[in-house]
Amino acid sequence: MNPGIAGQAAGLFAVTNIDDLLVLALFFAQGAGRRGSARTIAIGQYAGFLAILVIAVAAAFGTTFLPDQGVPYLGLLPLALGVRAAIQAWRHRNDPADSNPARTTAPSAAAVAAVTFANGGDNIGVYVPVFATAGIGGMIGYVVVFLILLAVWIAAGRYFATRPAIAKALARWGHILLPVVLIGIGLLILVEGKAFGL
């Protein structure tokens, strides 16, 4: 692989996915202590990111699965998941922490994939022109580097969620922070994309 493409791919991945670190840390905090939750989160993250890559590669070849005007509406996915998590947190606000479903339910792979995909809608717009000009070999290089770095991102999200100070804060406030972050991501995607005439 061309070292120049590897470096460019690493930089592009980091810039377009920095916000995923916080979301991953929140998912790992939500799944802390649940058997298999790390695997579930990793599967969901890869599934969502692979969907982004499939659409970006197809669009680079001139095929589009999503019309440009439909991309902003992807914000409805994290918004809906955030509202659902907020309602659950509110309903169980007075429950003890160890019996509160908002604190004890591990995220599903589908929820992680949906958030990853929706949050990556803007990534598609960045990746398409890069892939289209990189040629087949360059595109393969970008995809390989992205998939390797995705594992690093997942490990970093898990690492942050398990640091004592961060883990303590996420255990205490994660059930509130996760809905806020998801709703914020959803609204940001909708507003930036001018969905519903916003």
Protein backbone atom coordinates (compact mmCIF):
# COMPACT_ATOMS: atom_id res chain seq x y z
CA MET A 1 0.00 0.00 0.00
CA ASN A 2 1.20 3.49 -0.82
CA PRO A 3 2.41 5.14 2.44
CA GLY A 4 0.98 8.45 1.24
CA ILE A 5 -2.50 6.97 0.87
CA ALA A 6 -2.20 5.25 4.26
CA GLY A 7 -1.33 8.56 5.93
CA GLN A 8 -4.09 10.44 4.11
CA ALA A 9 -6.59 7.71 4.99
CA ALA A 10 -5.58 7.80 8.66
CA GLY A 11 -5.96 11.57 8.78
CA LEU A 12 -9.29 11.51 6.97
CA PHE A 13 -10.63 8.78 9.26
CA ALA A 14 -9.56 10.62 12.42
CA VAL A 15 -11.07 13.93 11.31
CA THR A 16 -14.41 12.44 10.22
CA ASN A 17 -14.84 10.08 13.18
CA ILE A 18 -13.57 11.99 16.23
CA ASP A 19 -17.13 12.38 17.55
CA ASP A 20 -17.54 8.59 17.51
CA LEU A 21 -15.06 8.25 20.38
CA LEU A 22 -17.50 9.89 22.82
CA VAL A 23 -20.43 7.85 21.54
CA LEU A 24 -18.41 4.61 21.76
CA ALA A 25 -17.29 5.44 25.31
CA LEU A 26 -20.93 6.01 26.27
CA PHE A 27 -21.99 2.71 24.71
CA PHE A 28 -19.18 0.87 26.50
CA ALA A 29 -20.13 2.52 29.78
CA GLN A 30 -23.76 1.50 29.23
CA GLY A 31 -22.69 -2.09 28.58
CA ALA A 32 -20.12 -2.24 31.41
CA GLY A 33 -20.21 -5.53 33.28
CA ARG A 34 -22.54 -7.21 30.74
CA ARG A 35 -21.15 -10.36 29.21
CA GLY A 36 -20.67 -9.99 25.46
CA SER A 37 -21.47 -6.27 25.38
CA ALA A 38 -18.02 -5.32 24.00
CA ARG A 39 -18.48 -7.77 21.12
CA THR A 40 -22.02 -6.48 20.50
CA ILE A 41 -20.81 -2.88 20.38
CA ALA A 42 -17.93 -3.78 18.04
CA ILE A 43 -20.29 -5.69 15.73
CA GLY A 44 -22.71 -2.76 15.66
CA GLN A 45 -19.92 -0.26 15.02
CA TYR A 46 -18.52 -2.32 12.15
CA ALA A 47 -22.00 -2.92 10.67
CA GLY A 48 -22.84 0.78 10.70
CA PHE A 49 -19.45 1.80 9.32
CA LEU A 50 -19.53 -0.87 6.61
CA ALA A 51 -22.89 0.51 5.47
CA ILE A 52 -21.28 3.95 5.22
CA LEU A 53 -18.39 2.53 3.18
CA VAL A 54 -20.69 0.56 0.85
CA ILE A 55 -22.69 3.68 0.05
CA ALA A 56 -19.57 5.82 -0.37
CA VAL A 57 -17.88 3.28 -2.69
CA ALA A 58 -21.06 2.81 -4.73
CA ALA A 59 -21.52 6.58 -5.02
CA ALA A 60 -17.88 6.94 -6.13
CA PHE A 61 -18.76 4.61 -9.00
CA GLY A 62 -21.82 6.72 -9.81
CA THR A 63 -24.48 4.69 -8.02
CA THR A 64 -26.39 6.33 -5.20
CA PHE A 65 -28.61 4.50 -2.75
CA LEU A 66 -29.56 7.65 -0.89
CA PRO A 67 -30.60 10.81 -2.67
CA ASP A 68 -28.66 13.84 -1.39
CA GLN A 69 -31.81 15.35 0.03
CA GLY A 70 -32.45 12.17 2.06
CA VAL A 71 -29.12 12.19 3.95
CA PRO A 72 -30.15 14.85 6.50
CA TYR A 73 -33.11 12.71 7.55
CA LEU A 74 -30.67 10.11 8.88
CA GLY A 75 -30.64 12.38 11.92
CA LEU A 76 -33.99 10.91 12.86
CA LEU A 77 -32.29 7.62 13.86
CA PRO A 78 -30.09 8.92 16.71
CA LEU A 79 -32.81 11.41 17.63
CA ALA A 80 -35.36 8.60 18.08
CA LEU A 81 -32.88 6.43 20.00
CA GLY A 82 -31.97 9.40 22.21
CA VAL A 83 -35.59 10.25 22.95
CA ARG A 84 -36.27 6.60 23.78
CA ALA A 85 -33.26 6.49 26.12
CA ALA A 86 -34.31 9.79 27.73
CA ILE A 87 -37.85 8.50 28.35
CA GLN A 88 -36.45 5.33 29.87
CA ALA A 89 -34.06 7.31 32.09
CA TRP A 90 -36.90 9.62 33.19
CA ARG A 91 -39.29 6.77 33.99
CA HIS A 92 -36.70 5.08 36.17
CA ARG A 93 -35.06 8.20 37.63
CA ASN A 94 -35.88 7.19 41.23
CA ASP A 95 -34.92 3.52 40.88
CA PRO A 96 -31.75 2.31 42.58
CA ALA A 97 -28.83 2.27 40.12
CA ASP A 98 -28.59 -1.53 40.10
CA SER A 99 -32.24 -2.00 39.07
CA ASN A 100 -32.59 0.97 36.72
CA PRO A 101 -33.00 -0.33 33.14
CA ALA A 102 -31.57 2.92 31.79
CA ARG A 103 -28.33 2.04 33.58
CA THR A 104 -28.38 -1.73 33.31
CA THR A 105 -29.43 -2.43 29.72
CA ALA A 106 -26.54 -3.04 27.33
CA PRO A 107 -26.84 -1.43 23.89
CA SER A 108 -27.88 -3.69 21.04
CA ALA A 109 -25.76 -4.14 17.91
CA ALA A 110 -28.64 -2.69 15.87
CA ALA A 111 -28.76 0.48 18.00
CA VAL A 112 -24.98 0.96 17.74
CA ALA A 113 -25.10 0.35 13.98
CA ALA A 114 -27.98 2.81 13.53
CA VAL A 115 -26.20 5.56 15.45
CA THR A 116 -22.92 4.89 13.64
CA PHE A 117 -24.62 4.98 10.25
CA ALA A 118 -26.68 8.09 10.98
CA ASN A 119 -23.71 9.90 12.48
CA GLY A 120 -21.67 8.99 9.39
CA GLY A 121 -24.02 10.55 6.87
CA ASP A 122 -21.67 13.50 6.52
CA ASN A 123 -18.73 11.07 6.17
CA ILE A 124 -20.29 9.77 2.97
CA GLY A 125 -20.18 13.25 1.45
CA VAL A 126 -16.47 13.51 2.31
CA TYR A 127 -15.49 9.99 1.27
CA VAL A 128 -17.20 9.95 -2.15
CA PRO A 129 -14.99 12.54 -3.90
CA VAL A 130 -11.86 11.10 -2.25
CA PHE A 131 -12.75 7.57 -3.38
CA ALA A 132 -13.74 8.75 -6.86
CA THR A 133 -10.35 10.39 -7.43
CA ALA A 134 -8.23 7.70 -5.71
CA GLY A 135 -8.85 4.98 -8.30
CA ILE A 136 -9.55 1.32 -7.46
CA GLY A 137 -6.21 0.67 -5.74
CA GLY A 138 -6.39 3.87 -3.71
CA MET A 139 -9.98 3.22 -2.74
CA ILE A 140 -9.07 -0.27 -1.49
CA GLY A 141 -6.22 1.30 0.49
CA TYR A 142 -8.56 3.81 2.11
CA VAL A 143 -11.09 1.12 3.01
CA VAL A 144 -8.43 -1.18 4.52
CA VAL A 145 -6.97 1.64 6.63
CA PHE A 146 -10.45 2.75 7.73
CA LEU A 147 -11.37 -0.78 8.85
CA ILE A 148 -8.11 -1.16 10.78
CA LEU A 149 -8.52 2.23 12.44
CA LEU A 150 -12.11 1.40 13.32
CA ALA A 151 -10.74 -1.37 15.58
CA VAL A 152 -8.42 1.21 17.16
CA TRP A 153 -11.38 3.55 17.67
CA ILE A 154 -13.40 0.78 19.33
CA ALA A 155 -10.47 -0.05 21.62
CA ALA A 156 -10.02 3.65 22.46
CA GLY A 157 -13.73 4.03 23.27
CA ARG A 158 -13.55 1.03 25.56
CA TYR A 159 -10.32 2.33 27.10
CA PHE A 160 -11.87 5.72 27.92
CA ALA A 161 -14.97 4.07 29.38
CA THR A 162 -12.83 1.94 31.72
CA ARG A 163 -10.56 4.66 33.14
CA PRO A 164 -11.52 4.97 36.81
CA ALA A 165 -12.41 8.67 36.81
CA ILE A 166 -14.19 8.51 33.46
CA ALA A 167 -15.91 5.21 34.31
CA LYS A 168 -17.18 6.65 37.59
CA ALA A 169 -18.57 9.73 35.84
CA LEU A 170 -20.12 7.65 33.05
CA ALA A 171 -21.62 5.21 35.55
CA ARG A 172 -23.20 8.10 37.41
CA TRP A 173 -24.21 10.30 34.47
CA GLY A 174 -24.01 8.08 31.37
CA HIS A 175 -27.72 7.24 31.41
CA ILE A 176 -28.37 10.99 31.14
CA LEU A 177 -25.43 11.86 28.87
CA LEU A 178 -26.18 9.17 26.25
CA PRO A 179 -29.68 10.50 25.40
CA VAL A 180 -28.36 14.07 25.36
CA VAL A 181 -25.53 13.15 22.97
CA LEU A 182 -27.79 11.08 20.70
CA ILE A 183 -30.46 13.80 20.57
CA GLY A 184 -27.75 16.40 19.92
CA ILE A 185 -26.26 14.35 17.08
CA GLY A 186 -29.71 13.82 15.57
CA LEU A 187 -30.63 17.51 15.76
CA LEU A 188 -27.23 18.55 14.38
CA ILE A 189 -27.62 16.24 11.38
CA LEU A 190 -31.16 17.50 10.74
CA VAL A 191 -30.26 21.19 11.11
CA GLU A 192 -27.02 21.07 9.13
CA GLY A 193 -28.79 19.19 6.36
CA LYS A 194 -31.72 21.61 6.42
CA ALA A 195 -34.17 18.75 6.91
CA PHE A 196 -37.81 19.82 7.24
CA GLY A 197 -36.76 23.29 6.03
CA LEU A 198 -34.74 24.00 9.21
